[in-house]
Amino acid sequence: MTKENLIKGLWWKLLGFLLLLYAVIYGFIVPIPETMISGSLRNVFYHVGMWFGMFAMLTTSFIFSLRYLRGFREKEDVVAVEAANVGILFGFLGLITGMIWAKNTWGAFWVRDPKLDGAAVGMFIYLAYMVLRGSIDDTHKRAKVSAVFNIFAFILWIVFVLVLPRMSGSTIHPDQDGAPIMALDLSATTRIVFYPAMVGWILLGFWIMNLRVRIRKLGMRNEA
């Protein structure tokens, strides 16, 4: 690997690390506006960031599944499955941090709400995707079937997490129009942490995905 390629491969990883380090440290000390959810508002730097990372990973997985079905190249199936793996990881971390937020805001770790229920259903759909991959032994058949399933899984995830909660009009999630608690109105001081945190979580997702792809490819070479 040349020096130029090494620098090209490291700069965005270093940027992601520095942005997350900044968000984690400054996120605990930045002044938070006095609101009815101010006690848990710091979670926005972590919970929302994990969901941004999840969305980036699931979108990447969806795109590479489409690309695989167009050319049936194994490397694109590898990226699709590893992006989905990281997306599921971020999704469950987002659910856990969301439950902590819910406990502070609504007094319970889980409440009946279209967006919360939709997020849980979406994660179970992607778990089904992983179970499907594990149930097919033939490499090429597994890649084709799981690519088709992954495309529908992404569409269903969009419907359950983004479309249906807004159509229901009854969600209490704070980032929805018409929610009975105030929507997230970030101040200038919180924005200087929020936006770097979002970018940092997305870059972390791509970093983990990149590592997992390389590990999987090494395993495939050893098997060959």
Protein backbone atom coordinates (compact mmCIF):
# COMPACT_ATOMS: atom_id res chain seq x y z
CA MET A 1 0.00 0.00 0.00
CA THR A 2 1.38 3.36 -1.03
CA LYS A 3 1.62 6.32 1.29
CA GLU A 4 -1.10 8.14 -0.68
CA ASN A 5 -3.51 5.19 -0.37
CA LEU A 6 -2.77 4.89 3.35
CA ILE A 7 -3.57 8.57 3.93
CA LYS A 8 -6.71 8.27 1.78
CA GLY A 9 -7.91 5.33 3.87
CA LEU A 10 -7.15 6.89 7.25
CA TRP A 11 -8.31 10.51 7.12
CA TRP A 12 -12.05 9.82 7.35
CA LYS A 13 -11.52 7.25 10.11
CA LEU A 14 -9.50 9.75 12.11
CA LEU A 15 -12.16 12.40 11.46
CA GLY A 16 -14.91 10.06 12.70
CA PHE A 17 -12.93 9.22 15.83
CA LEU A 18 -12.27 12.87 16.65
CA LEU A 19 -15.90 13.90 16.04
CA LEU A 20 -17.22 11.15 18.32
CA LEU A 21 -14.62 11.89 20.97
CA TYR A 22 -15.68 15.53 20.88
CA ALA A 23 -19.38 14.60 21.03
CA VAL A 24 -18.95 12.14 23.90
CA ILE A 25 -16.91 14.54 26.04
CA TYR A 26 -18.56 17.87 25.23
CA GLY A 27 -22.00 16.28 25.06
CA PHE A 28 -21.93 15.80 28.84
CA ILE A 29 -20.92 19.38 29.64
CA VAL A 30 -22.60 21.53 26.96
CA PRO A 31 -25.40 23.74 28.41
CA ILE A 32 -28.83 22.21 27.72
CA PRO A 33 -31.94 24.42 27.31
CA GLU A 34 -34.45 24.26 30.14
CA THR A 35 -37.28 22.18 28.70
CA MET A 36 -39.60 19.51 30.01
CA ILE A 37 -37.28 16.87 28.54
CA SER A 38 -33.99 18.60 29.39
CA GLY A 39 -33.07 15.86 31.82
CA SER A 40 -32.68 13.38 28.98
CA LEU A 41 -31.97 15.72 26.07
CA ARG A 42 -28.24 14.90 26.13
CA ASN A 43 -29.22 11.47 24.83
CA VAL A 44 -29.95 13.12 21.48
CA PHE A 45 -26.21 13.14 20.75
CA TYR A 46 -26.05 9.35 21.11
CA HIS A 47 -29.51 7.87 20.49
CA VAL A 48 -30.23 9.92 17.37
CA GLY A 49 -26.65 9.55 16.15
CA MET A 50 -26.89 5.75 16.35
CA TRP A 51 -30.07 5.87 14.29
CA PHE A 52 -28.37 8.10 11.73
CA GLY A 53 -25.59 5.51 11.54
CA MET A 54 -28.15 2.72 11.24
CA PHE A 55 -29.96 4.50 8.41
CA ALA A 56 -26.67 5.02 6.54
CA MET A 57 -25.77 1.34 6.93
CA LEU A 58 -29.18 -0.04 5.92
CA THR A 59 -29.24 2.28 2.90
CA THR A 60 -25.77 1.07 1.92
CA SER A 61 -26.91 -2.54 2.31
CA PHE A 62 -29.96 -1.86 0.14
CA ILE A 63 -27.85 -0.24 -2.61
CA PHE A 64 -25.33 -3.08 -2.69
CA SER A 65 -28.10 -5.69 -2.81
CA LEU A 66 -29.44 -3.93 -5.89
CA ARG A 67 -25.95 -3.85 -7.36
CA TYR A 68 -25.49 -7.55 -6.63
CA LEU A 69 -28.69 -8.48 -8.49
CA ARG A 70 -27.48 -6.47 -11.46
CA GLY A 71 -24.08 -8.16 -11.83
CA PHE A 72 -24.01 -11.05 -9.30
CA ARG A 73 -20.59 -10.02 -8.01
CA GLU A 74 -19.76 -11.69 -4.71
CA LYS A 75 -17.95 -8.65 -3.29
CA GLU A 76 -21.16 -6.63 -3.45
CA ASP A 77 -23.06 -9.30 -1.51
CA VAL A 78 -20.32 -9.13 1.13
CA VAL A 79 -20.74 -5.37 1.50
CA ALA A 80 -24.54 -5.73 1.63
CA VAL A 81 -24.52 -8.27 4.45
CA GLU A 82 -21.85 -6.52 6.51
CA ALA A 83 -23.57 -3.15 6.15
CA ALA A 84 -26.77 -4.82 7.37
CA ASN A 85 -24.87 -6.36 10.31
CA VAL A 86 -23.59 -2.96 11.41
CA GLY A 87 -27.01 -1.42 10.82
CA ILE A 88 -28.61 -4.01 13.10
CA LEU A 89 -25.97 -3.33 15.75
CA PHE A 90 -26.64 0.41 15.64
CA GLY A 91 -30.38 -0.26 15.55
CA PHE A 92 -30.38 -2.22 18.79
CA LEU A 93 -28.05 0.29 20.44
CA GLY A 94 -30.52 2.96 19.34
CA LEU A 95 -33.39 0.99 20.87
CA ILE A 96 -31.52 0.65 24.17
CA THR A 97 -30.63 4.35 24.38
CA GLY A 98 -34.18 5.16 23.29
CA MET A 99 -35.57 3.08 26.16
CA ILE A 100 -33.38 5.04 28.58
CA TRP A 101 -34.73 8.26 27.09
CA ALA A 102 -38.31 6.96 27.33
CA LYS A 103 -37.84 6.11 31.00
CA ASN A 104 -36.77 9.67 31.77
CA THR A 105 -39.41 11.27 29.55
CA TRP A 106 -42.49 9.06 29.90
CA GLY A 107 -41.72 7.08 33.05
CA ALA A 108 -41.45 3.68 31.32
CA PHE A 109 -38.83 1.94 29.23
CA TRP A 110 -41.40 1.16 26.54
CA VAL A 111 -44.73 2.76 25.72
CA ARG A 112 -47.21 1.90 23.00
CA ASP A 113 -46.32 4.26 20.20
CA PRO A 114 -46.34 3.77 16.41
CA LYS A 115 -42.73 4.88 15.97
CA LEU A 116 -41.35 2.76 18.82
CA ASP A 117 -43.34 -0.30 17.72
CA GLY A 118 -42.34 0.28 14.10
CA ALA A 119 -38.65 0.45 15.04
CA ALA A 120 -38.92 -2.87 16.87
CA VAL A 121 -40.70 -4.52 13.94
CA GLY A 122 -38.07 -3.14 11.55
CA MET A 123 -35.27 -4.68 13.58
CA PHE A 124 -37.01 -8.07 13.67
CA ILE A 125 -37.35 -7.94 9.88
CA TYR A 126 -33.59 -7.53 9.57
CA LEU A 127 -33.02 -10.33 12.08
CA ALA A 128 -35.14 -12.49 9.78
CA TYR A 129 -32.80 -11.48 6.95
CA MET A 130 -29.84 -12.84 8.91
CA VAL A 131 -31.70 -16.04 9.79
CA LEU A 132 -32.53 -16.49 6.10
CA ARG A 133 -28.89 -16.15 5.11
CA GLY A 134 -27.86 -18.69 7.71
CA SER A 135 -30.43 -21.23 6.50
CA ILE A 136 -29.14 -21.48 2.90
CA ASP A 137 -25.93 -23.42 2.31
CA ASP A 138 -25.36 -22.71 -1.38
CA THR A 139 -23.32 -19.51 -1.66
CA HIS A 140 -24.85 -18.13 -4.85
CA LYS A 141 -28.42 -19.07 -3.96
CA ARG A 142 -27.97 -17.51 -0.51
CA ALA A 143 -26.70 -14.27 -2.04
CA LYS A 144 -29.54 -14.03 -4.57
CA VAL A 145 -32.37 -14.88 -2.18
CA SER A 146 -31.07 -12.68 0.62
CA ALA A 147 -30.50 -9.76 -1.78
CA VAL A 148 -34.16 -9.87 -2.83
CA PHE A 149 -35.27 -10.18 0.80
CA ASN A 150 -32.98 -7.30 1.80
CA ILE A 151 -34.56 -4.98 -0.77
CA PHE A 152 -38.05 -5.69 0.57
CA ALA A 153 -36.75 -5.47 4.17
CA PHE A 154 -35.46 -1.95 3.53
CA ILE A 155 -38.76 -0.86 1.97
CA LEU A 156 -40.71 -2.32 4.90
CA TRP A 157 -38.31 -0.65 7.35
CA ILE A 158 -38.99 2.72 5.72
CA VAL A 159 -42.73 2.09 5.93
CA PHE A 160 -42.74 0.99 9.59
CA VAL A 161 -40.27 3.58 10.90
CA LEU A 162 -40.87 6.66 8.75
CA VAL A 163 -44.20 6.43 6.93
CA LEU A 164 -46.75 4.77 9.23
CA PRO A 165 -45.88 6.79 12.38
CA ARG A 166 -46.45 10.04 10.49
CA MET A 167 -49.67 8.75 8.94
CA SER A 168 -51.00 7.64 12.33
CA GLY A 169 -50.91 11.17 13.75
CA SER A 170 -50.87 9.78 17.29
CA THR A 171 -47.19 9.28 18.03
CA ILE A 172 -45.73 10.83 21.18
CA HIS A 173 -42.19 10.64 19.83
CA PRO A 174 -40.63 14.11 20.27
CA ASP A 175 -39.41 14.48 16.68
CA GLN A 176 -42.85 14.07 15.13
CA ASP A 177 -45.30 16.77 14.08
CA GLY A 178 -48.21 17.00 16.44
CA ALA A 179 -46.47 15.22 19.32
CA PRO A 180 -47.97 16.12 22.71
CA ILE A 181 -44.55 16.86 24.17
CA MET A 182 -42.39 19.55 22.66
CA ALA A 183 -40.37 18.68 19.58
CA LEU A 184 -36.61 18.78 19.74
CA ASP A 185 -35.70 22.45 19.37
CA LEU A 186 -31.93 22.42 19.59
CA SER A 187 -30.23 25.59 20.71
CA ALA A 188 -27.11 26.97 19.05
CA THR A 189 -24.94 25.44 21.79
CA THR A 190 -26.44 21.96 21.36
CA ARG A 191 -26.22 22.11 17.57
CA ILE A 192 -22.43 22.43 17.72
CA VAL A 193 -22.42 19.00 19.35
CA PHE A 194 -25.38 17.45 17.53
CA TYR A 195 -24.20 17.82 13.94
CA PRO A 196 -20.61 16.63 14.50
CA ALA A 197 -22.02 13.69 16.48
CA MET A 198 -24.29 12.67 13.57
CA VAL A 199 -21.36 12.72 11.13
CA GLY A 200 -19.16 10.86 13.62
CA TRP A 201 -21.66 8.03 14.14
CA ILE A 202 -22.10 7.61 10.38
CA LEU A 203 -18.34 7.48 9.81
CA LEU A 204 -18.00 4.98 12.66
CA GLY A 205 -20.57 2.79 10.93
CA PHE A 206 -18.60 2.81 7.68
CA TRP A 207 -15.39 2.13 9.59
CA ILE A 208 -16.84 -0.95 11.31
CA MET A 209 -18.39 -2.10 8.03
CA ASN A 210 -15.05 -1.71 6.26
CA LEU A 211 -13.30 -3.83 8.90
CA ARG A 212 -15.97 -6.54 8.75
CA VAL A 213 -15.80 -6.67 4.94
CA ARG A 214 -12.04 -7.12 5.05
CA ILE A 215 -12.31 -9.85 7.69
CA ARG A 216 -14.99 -11.70 5.70
CA LYS A 217 -12.93 -11.49 2.49
CA LEU A 218 -9.89 -12.89 4.30
CA GLY A 219 -12.02 -15.77 5.58
CA MET A 220 -13.31 -16.47 2.07
CA ARG A 221 -9.74 -16.54 0.71
CA ASN A 222 -8.68 -19.00 3.42
CA GLU A 223 -11.63 -21.26 2.60
CA ALA A 224 -10.76 -21.13 -1.08
